[in-house]
Amino acid sequence: FQFGKLAIQSTVSTLGTVAIAAQAMTNILENLNGVAAIGVGIGLMTVVGQCLGAGRKDEVIYYIKKLSWLAEAAIVISCLTVLALTKPITLLGGMEAESADLCFKMVIFITITKPISWVLSFIPAYGMRAAGDVKFSMITSCCTMWLCRVSLCVYLCRVWGFGPIAVWIGMFADWTLRAIVFSIRFHGRKWLNHHIID
C-alpha cells in the first residue's frame, strides 16, 4: 500500500506546484470526510465479534447491513459539510487562487462519487475481517489498488495529461471495483464459515 501511495505521489509531483498544493489539501479534506464512517466500521468489528462469539450468525448479517446504512449517512453528511467548508479552509490556508479552485473542483468530484461506492467497498469488509475473512480482503484490496488506483492514475496523468483529478478518478474506480467484489463475497456467505475460536 505504501509503495502504491509513493507511486501516486511521484506522479503528482511532476504536475507542478499548483497541482501539488491542490492535491495535498484535497487529500486532507478527503481523509476528514471519511473519519466518521471509518469509526462506524471499526465499531462494526466489535459488534461482529460479539455476535459470532454468541453463535448468532444471522445477527452478523443484520448488523453489517444496518451499520452500512449508518456509515452511508455519515459519509453523505461529512462530504457535504467538508464541501461547504472547503473554500473557507483554502482561504485560511493561504492557498493561491488557482490551487484553491482546483482543490474545490476535486472536492466536488469526491462529494459526488464517494457516497456512491465508498461504503460498500469498506464497511462490509470490516465485518468480514472480524469474521476471519482477512486473507480475501487483503488480496482484493491490494489487487484493486494496483489495477485501478495506481495504474489508472499514472496512465491518465502521463499519457492523457490529466491533472491531479486523475488520482481521484483512479480512487473512484478502485472503490467501485472493490465494492462489487466485496458485495458478491458478502452475499455468498462463504466468509461466515471461518473458524476463529477453538
C-alpha atoms as a PDB file:
ATOM      1  CA  PHE A   1       0.000   0.000   0.000  1.00  0.00           C
ATOM      2  CA  GLN A   2       2.771   2.437   0.910  1.00  0.00           C
ATOM      3  CA  PHE A   3       4.582   1.711  -2.350  1.00  0.00           C
ATOM      4  CA  GLY A   4       1.346   2.400  -4.244  1.00  0.00           C
ATOM      5  CA  LYS A   5       0.933   5.731  -2.453  1.00  0.00           C
ATOM      6  CA  LEU A   6       4.530   6.581  -3.308  1.00  0.00           C
ATOM      7  CA  ALA A   7       3.900   5.827  -6.998  1.00  0.00           C
ATOM      8  CA  ILE A   8       0.876   8.162  -6.989  1.00  0.00           C
ATOM      9  CA  GLN A   9       2.742  10.923  -5.139  1.00  0.00           C
ATOM     10  CA  SER A  10       5.649  10.629  -7.570  1.00  0.00           C
ATOM     11  CA  THR A  11       3.250  11.074 -10.472  1.00  0.00           C
ATOM     12  CA  VAL A  12       1.538  14.095  -8.891  1.00  0.00           C
ATOM     13  CA  SER A  13       4.927  15.676  -8.157  1.00  0.00           C
ATOM     14  CA  THR A  14       5.528  16.002 -11.916  1.00  0.00           C
ATOM     15  CA  LEU A  15       2.403  18.151 -12.391  1.00  0.00           C
ATOM     16  CA  GLY A  16       3.723  21.400 -10.918  1.00  0.00           C
ATOM     17  CA  THR A  17       3.339  23.347  -7.685  1.00  0.00           C
ATOM     18  CA  VAL A  18      -0.310  24.321  -8.271  1.00  0.00           C
ATOM     19  CA  ALA A  19      -1.349  20.685  -8.667  1.00  0.00           C
ATOM     20  CA  ILE A  20       0.811  19.537  -5.745  1.00  0.00           C
ATOM     21  CA  ALA A  21      -0.722  22.116  -3.384  1.00  0.00           C
ATOM     22  CA  ALA A  22      -4.269  21.359  -4.552  1.00  0.00           C
ATOM     23  CA  GLN A  23      -3.754  17.614  -4.215  1.00  0.00           C
ATOM     24  CA  ALA A  24      -2.224  17.931  -0.738  1.00  0.00           C
ATOM     25  CA  MET A  25      -5.192  19.932   0.576  1.00  0.00           C
ATOM     26  CA  THR A  26      -7.735  17.695  -1.194  1.00  0.00           C
ATOM     27  CA  ASN A  27      -6.118  14.625   0.347  1.00  0.00           C
ATOM     28  CA  ILE A  28      -6.504  16.098   3.839  1.00  0.00           C
ATOM     29  CA  LEU A  29     -10.147  17.019   3.215  1.00  0.00           C
ATOM     30  CA  GLU A  30     -10.952  13.578   1.776  1.00  0.00           C
ATOM     31  CA  ASN A  31      -9.447  11.917   4.839  1.00  0.00           C
ATOM     32  CA  LEU A  32     -11.525  14.218   7.036  1.00  0.00           C
ATOM     33  CA  ASN A  33     -14.846  13.368   5.393  1.00  0.00           C
ATOM     34  CA  GLY A  34     -14.226   9.649   5.915  1.00  0.00           C
ATOM     35  CA  VAL A  35     -13.423   9.720   9.647  1.00  0.00           C
ATOM     36  CA  ALA A  36     -16.983   9.178  10.922  1.00  0.00           C
ATOM     37  CA  ALA A  37     -17.680   6.268   8.564  1.00  0.00           C
ATOM     38  CA  ILE A  38     -14.362   4.614   9.418  1.00  0.00           C
ATOM     39  CA  GLY A  39     -15.364   4.887  13.075  1.00  0.00           C
ATOM     40  CA  VAL A  40     -18.574   3.013  12.237  1.00  0.00           C
ATOM     41  CA  GLY A  41     -16.510   0.308  10.505  1.00  0.00           C
ATOM     42  CA  ILE A  42     -14.215  -0.125  13.496  1.00  0.00           C
ATOM     43  CA  GLY A  43     -17.234  -0.362  15.786  1.00  0.00           C
ATOM     44  CA  LEU A  44     -18.730  -2.961  13.439  1.00  0.00           C
ATOM     45  CA  MET A  45     -15.732  -5.235  14.007  1.00  0.00           C
ATOM     46  CA  THR A  46     -16.525  -5.374  17.723  1.00  0.00           C
ATOM     47  CA  VAL A  47     -20.224  -5.995  17.068  1.00  0.00           C
ATOM     48  CA  VAL A  48     -19.478  -8.835  14.626  1.00  0.00           C
ATOM     49  CA  GLY A  49     -17.032 -10.394  17.082  1.00  0.00           C
ATOM     50  CA  GLN A  50     -19.653 -10.322  19.839  1.00  0.00           C
ATOM     51  CA  CYS A  51     -22.317 -11.854  17.569  1.00  0.00           C
ATOM     52  CA  LEU A  52     -20.037 -14.650  16.359  1.00  0.00           C
ATOM     53  CA  GLY A  53     -18.882 -15.332  19.902  1.00  0.00           C
ATOM     54  CA  ALA A  54     -22.530 -15.854  20.830  1.00  0.00           C
ATOM     55  CA  GLY A  55     -23.061 -18.082  17.768  1.00  0.00           C
ATOM     56  CA  ARG A  56     -25.569 -15.693  16.161  1.00  0.00           C
ATOM     57  CA  LYS A  57     -24.586 -15.572  12.502  1.00  0.00           C
ATOM     58  CA  ASP A  58     -27.939 -14.131  11.446  1.00  0.00           C
ATOM     59  CA  GLU A  59     -27.267 -11.082  13.622  1.00  0.00           C
ATOM     60  CA  VAL A  60     -23.890 -10.610  11.930  1.00  0.00           C
ATOM     61  CA  ILE A  61     -25.660 -10.117   8.582  1.00  0.00           C
ATOM     62  CA  TYR A  62     -28.225  -7.806  10.178  1.00  0.00           C
ATOM     63  CA  TYR A  63     -25.669  -5.547  11.840  1.00  0.00           C
ATOM     64  CA  ILE A  64     -23.393  -5.327   8.807  1.00  0.00           C
ATOM     65  CA  LYS A  65     -26.350  -4.105   6.749  1.00  0.00           C
ATOM     66  CA  LYS A  66     -27.601  -1.763   9.472  1.00  0.00           C
ATOM     67  CA  LEU A  67     -24.228  -0.182  10.171  1.00  0.00           C
ATOM     68  CA  SER A  68     -23.539   0.132   6.441  1.00  0.00           C
ATOM     69  CA  TRP A  69     -26.601   2.377   6.201  1.00  0.00           C
ATOM     70  CA  LEU A  70     -25.350   4.354   9.200  1.00  0.00           C
ATOM     71  CA  ALA A  71     -21.944   4.741   7.546  1.00  0.00           C
ATOM     72  CA  GLU A  72     -23.636   5.889   4.324  1.00  0.00           C
ATOM     73  CA  ALA A  73     -25.483   8.613   6.231  1.00  0.00           C
ATOM     74  CA  ALA A  74     -22.209   9.627   7.899  1.00  0.00           C
ATOM     75  CA  ILE A  75     -20.428   9.804   4.530  1.00  0.00           C
ATOM     76  CA  VAL A  76     -23.140  11.956   2.931  1.00  0.00           C
ATOM     77  CA  ILE A  77     -23.263  14.384   5.868  1.00  0.00           C
ATOM     78  CA  SER A  78     -19.459  14.523   6.160  1.00  0.00           C
ATOM     79  CA  CYS A  79     -18.942  15.066   2.422  1.00  0.00           C
ATOM     80  CA  LEU A  80     -21.485  17.906   2.292  1.00  0.00           C
ATOM     81  CA  THR A  81     -20.020  19.509   5.422  1.00  0.00           C
ATOM     82  CA  VAL A  82     -16.463  19.353   4.080  1.00  0.00           C
ATOM     83  CA  LEU A  83     -17.619  20.727   0.711  1.00  0.00           C
ATOM     84  CA  ALA A  84     -19.276  23.676   2.454  1.00  0.00           C
ATOM     85  CA  LEU A  85     -16.074  24.367   4.417  1.00  0.00           C
ATOM     86  CA  THR A  86     -13.592  23.858   1.567  1.00  0.00           C
ATOM     87  CA  LYS A  87     -13.444  27.464   0.351  1.00  0.00           C
ATOM     88  CA  PRO A  88     -13.046  28.955   3.855  1.00  0.00           C
ATOM     89  CA  ILE A  89     -10.342  26.365   4.638  1.00  0.00           C
ATOM     90  CA  THR A  90      -8.372  27.106   1.453  1.00  0.00           C
ATOM     91  CA  LEU A  91      -8.688  30.822   2.235  1.00  0.00           C
ATOM     92  CA  LEU A  92      -7.426  30.345   5.796  1.00  0.00           C
ATOM     93  CA  GLY A  93      -4.656  28.107   4.479  1.00  0.00           C
ATOM     94  CA  GLY A  94      -3.401  30.931   2.269  1.00  0.00           C
ATOM     95  CA  MET A  95      -3.597  28.872  -0.912  1.00  0.00           C
ATOM     96  CA  GLU A  96      -3.134  30.559  -4.278  1.00  0.00           C
ATOM     97  CA  ALA A  97      -6.388  31.163  -6.148  1.00  0.00           C
ATOM     98  CA  GLU A  98      -5.570  28.611  -8.855  1.00  0.00           C
ATOM     99  CA  SER A  99      -4.708  25.879  -6.349  1.00  0.00           C
ATOM    100  CA  ALA A 100      -7.768  26.669  -4.227  1.00  0.00           C
ATOM    101  CA  ASP A 101     -10.051  26.499  -7.277  1.00  0.00           C
ATOM    102  CA  LEU A 102      -8.558  23.166  -8.368  1.00  0.00           C
ATOM    103  CA  CYS A 103      -8.923  21.812  -4.825  1.00  0.00           C
ATOM    104  CA  PHE A 104     -12.581  22.886  -4.706  1.00  0.00           C
ATOM    105  CA  LYS A 105     -13.311  21.157  -8.023  1.00  0.00           C
ATOM    106  CA  MET A 106     -11.733  17.918  -6.787  1.00  0.00           C
ATOM    107  CA  VAL A 107     -13.711  18.084  -3.530  1.00  0.00           C
ATOM    108  CA  ILE A 108     -16.905  18.472  -5.600  1.00  0.00           C
ATOM    109  CA  PHE A 109     -15.932  15.321  -7.542  1.00  0.00           C
ATOM    110  CA  ILE A 110     -15.298  13.446  -4.279  1.00  0.00           C
ATOM    111  CA  THR A 111     -18.588  14.669  -2.774  1.00  0.00           C
ATOM    112  CA  ILE A 112     -20.469  13.243  -5.769  1.00  0.00           C
ATOM    113  CA  THR A 113     -18.598   9.943  -6.121  1.00  0.00           C
ATOM    114  CA  LYS A 114     -17.675   8.926  -2.573  1.00  0.00           C
ATOM    115  CA  PRO A 115     -21.238   8.260  -1.317  1.00  0.00           C
ATOM    116  CA  ILE A 116     -21.860   6.031  -4.358  1.00  0.00           C
ATOM    117  CA  SER A 117     -19.280   3.339  -3.683  1.00  0.00           C
ATOM    118  CA  TRP A 118     -17.147   4.021  -0.594  1.00  0.00           C
ATOM    119  CA  VAL A 119     -19.390   2.326   1.978  1.00  0.00           C
ATOM    120  CA  LEU A 120     -19.739  -0.943   0.042  1.00  0.00           C
ATOM    121  CA  SER A 121     -16.004  -1.009  -0.617  1.00  0.00           C
ATOM    122  CA  PHE A 122     -15.048  -0.698   3.067  1.00  0.00           C
ATOM    123  CA  ILE A 123     -17.776  -1.302   5.661  1.00  0.00           C
ATOM    124  CA  PRO A 124     -18.799  -4.920   4.809  1.00  0.00           C
ATOM    125  CA  ALA A 125     -15.071  -5.729   4.635  1.00  0.00           C
ATOM    126  CA  TYR A 126     -14.651  -4.629   8.269  1.00  0.00           C
ATOM    127  CA  GLY A 127     -17.344  -7.123   9.254  1.00  0.00           C
ATOM    128  CA  MET A 128     -15.935  -9.919   7.104  1.00  0.00           C
ATOM    129  CA  ARG A 129     -12.433  -9.398   8.502  1.00  0.00           C
ATOM    130  CA  ALA A 130     -13.856  -9.609  12.020  1.00  0.00           C
ATOM    131  CA  ALA A 131     -15.379 -12.949  10.978  1.00  0.00           C
ATOM    132  CA  GLY A 132     -11.921 -14.225   9.982  1.00  0.00           C
ATOM    133  CA  ASP A 133     -12.055 -13.446   6.253  1.00  0.00           C
ATOM    134  CA  VAL A 134      -8.815 -11.471   6.383  1.00  0.00           C
ATOM    135  CA  LYS A 135      -6.885 -13.034   3.503  1.00  0.00           C
ATOM    136  CA  PHE A 136      -9.598 -12.390   0.903  1.00  0.00           C
ATOM    137  CA  SER A 137      -9.975  -8.741   1.973  1.00  0.00           C
ATOM    138  CA  MET A 138      -6.229  -8.133   1.889  1.00  0.00           C
ATOM    139  CA  ILE A 139      -5.717  -9.700  -1.555  1.00  0.00           C
ATOM    140  CA  THR A 140      -8.741  -7.906  -3.016  1.00  0.00           C
ATOM    141  CA  SER A 141      -7.666  -4.532  -1.630  1.00  0.00           C
ATOM    142  CA  CYS A 142      -4.117  -4.896  -2.961  1.00  0.00           C
ATOM    143  CA  CYS A 143      -5.265  -6.015  -6.421  1.00  0.00           C
ATOM    144  CA  THR A 144      -7.868  -3.273  -6.870  1.00  0.00           C
ATOM    145  CA  MET A 145      -5.423  -0.644  -5.654  1.00  0.00           C
ATOM    146  CA  TRP A 146      -2.817  -1.581  -8.261  1.00  0.00           C
ATOM    147  CA  LEU A 147      -5.302  -2.282 -11.056  1.00  0.00           C
ATOM    148  CA  CYS A 148      -7.282   0.931 -10.597  1.00  0.00           C
ATOM    149  CA  ARG A 149      -5.889   3.493  -8.199  1.00  0.00           C
ATOM    150  CA  VAL A 150      -2.223   3.357  -9.189  1.00  0.00           C
ATOM    151  CA  SER A 151      -2.362   2.182 -12.818  1.00  0.00           C
ATOM    152  CA  LEU A 152      -5.239   4.440 -13.874  1.00  0.00           C
ATOM    153  CA  CYS A 153      -3.761   7.473 -12.136  1.00  0.00           C
ATOM    154  CA  VAL A 154      -0.347   7.021 -13.761  1.00  0.00           C
ATOM    155  CA  TYR A 155      -1.901   6.289 -17.178  1.00  0.00           C
ATOM    156  CA  LEU A 156      -4.245   9.301 -17.138  1.00  0.00           C
ATOM    157  CA  CYS A 157      -1.520  11.660 -15.921  1.00  0.00           C
ATOM    158  CA  ARG A 158       1.372  10.526 -18.085  1.00  0.00           C
ATOM    159  CA  VAL A 159      -0.448   9.501 -21.280  1.00  0.00           C
ATOM    160  CA  TRP A 160      -3.509  11.759 -21.426  1.00  0.00           C
ATOM    161  CA  GLY A 161      -2.162  14.725 -19.485  1.00  0.00           C
ATOM    162  CA  PHE A 162      -4.801  14.719 -16.781  1.00  0.00           C
ATOM    163  CA  GLY A 163      -4.080  16.797 -13.716  1.00  0.00           C
ATOM    164  CA  PRO A 164      -4.435  15.635 -10.107  1.00  0.00           C
ATOM    165  CA  ILE A 165      -8.091  14.754 -10.768  1.00  0.00           C
ATOM    166  CA  ALA A 166      -6.623  11.534 -12.221  1.00  0.00           C
ATOM    167  CA  VAL A 167      -5.808  10.468  -8.651  1.00  0.00           C
ATOM    168  CA  TRP A 168      -9.475  10.675  -7.702  1.00  0.00           C
ATOM    169  CA  ILE A 169     -10.714   9.035 -10.884  1.00  0.00           C
ATOM    170  CA  GLY A 170      -8.397   6.122 -10.064  1.00  0.00           C
ATOM    171  CA  MET A 171      -9.596   6.154  -6.459  1.00  0.00           C
ATOM    172  CA  PHE A 172     -13.264   6.064  -7.508  1.00  0.00           C
ATOM    173  CA  ALA A 173     -12.536   3.174  -9.898  1.00  0.00           C
ATOM    174  CA  ASP A 174     -10.780   1.356  -7.031  1.00  0.00           C
ATOM    175  CA  TRP A 175     -13.730   1.896  -4.669  1.00  0.00           C
ATOM    176  CA  THR A 176     -16.225   0.790  -7.319  1.00  0.00           C
ATOM    177  CA  LEU A 177     -14.416  -2.431  -8.243  1.00  0.00           C
ATOM    178  CA  ARG A 178     -13.797  -3.231  -4.588  1.00  0.00           C
ATOM    179  CA  ALA A 179     -17.477  -2.569  -3.782  1.00  0.00           C
ATOM    180  CA  ILE A 180     -18.570  -5.034  -6.479  1.00  0.00           C
ATOM    181  CA  VAL A 181     -16.160  -7.750  -5.308  1.00  0.00           C
ATOM    182  CA  PHE A 182     -16.999  -7.339  -1.609  1.00  0.00           C
ATOM    183  CA  SER A 183     -20.750  -7.252  -2.326  1.00  0.00           C
ATOM    184  CA  ILE A 184     -20.512 -10.564  -4.180  1.00  0.00           C
ATOM    185  CA  ARG A 185     -18.416 -12.019  -1.358  1.00  0.00           C
ATOM    186  CA  PHE A 186     -20.820 -10.734   1.309  1.00  0.00           C
ATOM    187  CA  HIS A 187     -23.922 -12.193  -0.356  1.00  0.00           C
ATOM    188  CA  GLY A 188     -22.127 -15.519  -0.932  1.00  0.00           C
ATOM    189  CA  ARG A 189     -21.879 -16.020   2.860  1.00  0.00           C
ATOM    190  CA  LYS A 190     -18.765 -18.199   2.474  1.00  0.00           C
ATOM    191  CA  TRP A 191     -16.914 -15.776   4.738  1.00  0.00           C
ATOM    192  CA  LEU A 192     -19.134 -16.862   7.650  1.00  0.00           C
ATOM    193  CA  ASN A 193     -17.613 -20.352   7.617  1.00  0.00           C
ATOM    194  CA  HIS A 194     -14.246 -19.367   9.085  1.00  0.00           C
ATOM    195  CA  HIS A 195     -13.443 -20.993  12.423  1.00  0.00           C
ATOM    196  CA  ILE A 196     -11.957 -18.320  14.660  1.00  0.00           C
ATOM    197  CA  ILE A 197     -12.257 -19.550  18.243  1.00  0.00           C
ATOM    198  CA  ASP A 198     -11.490 -23.066  19.458  1.00  0.00           C
END
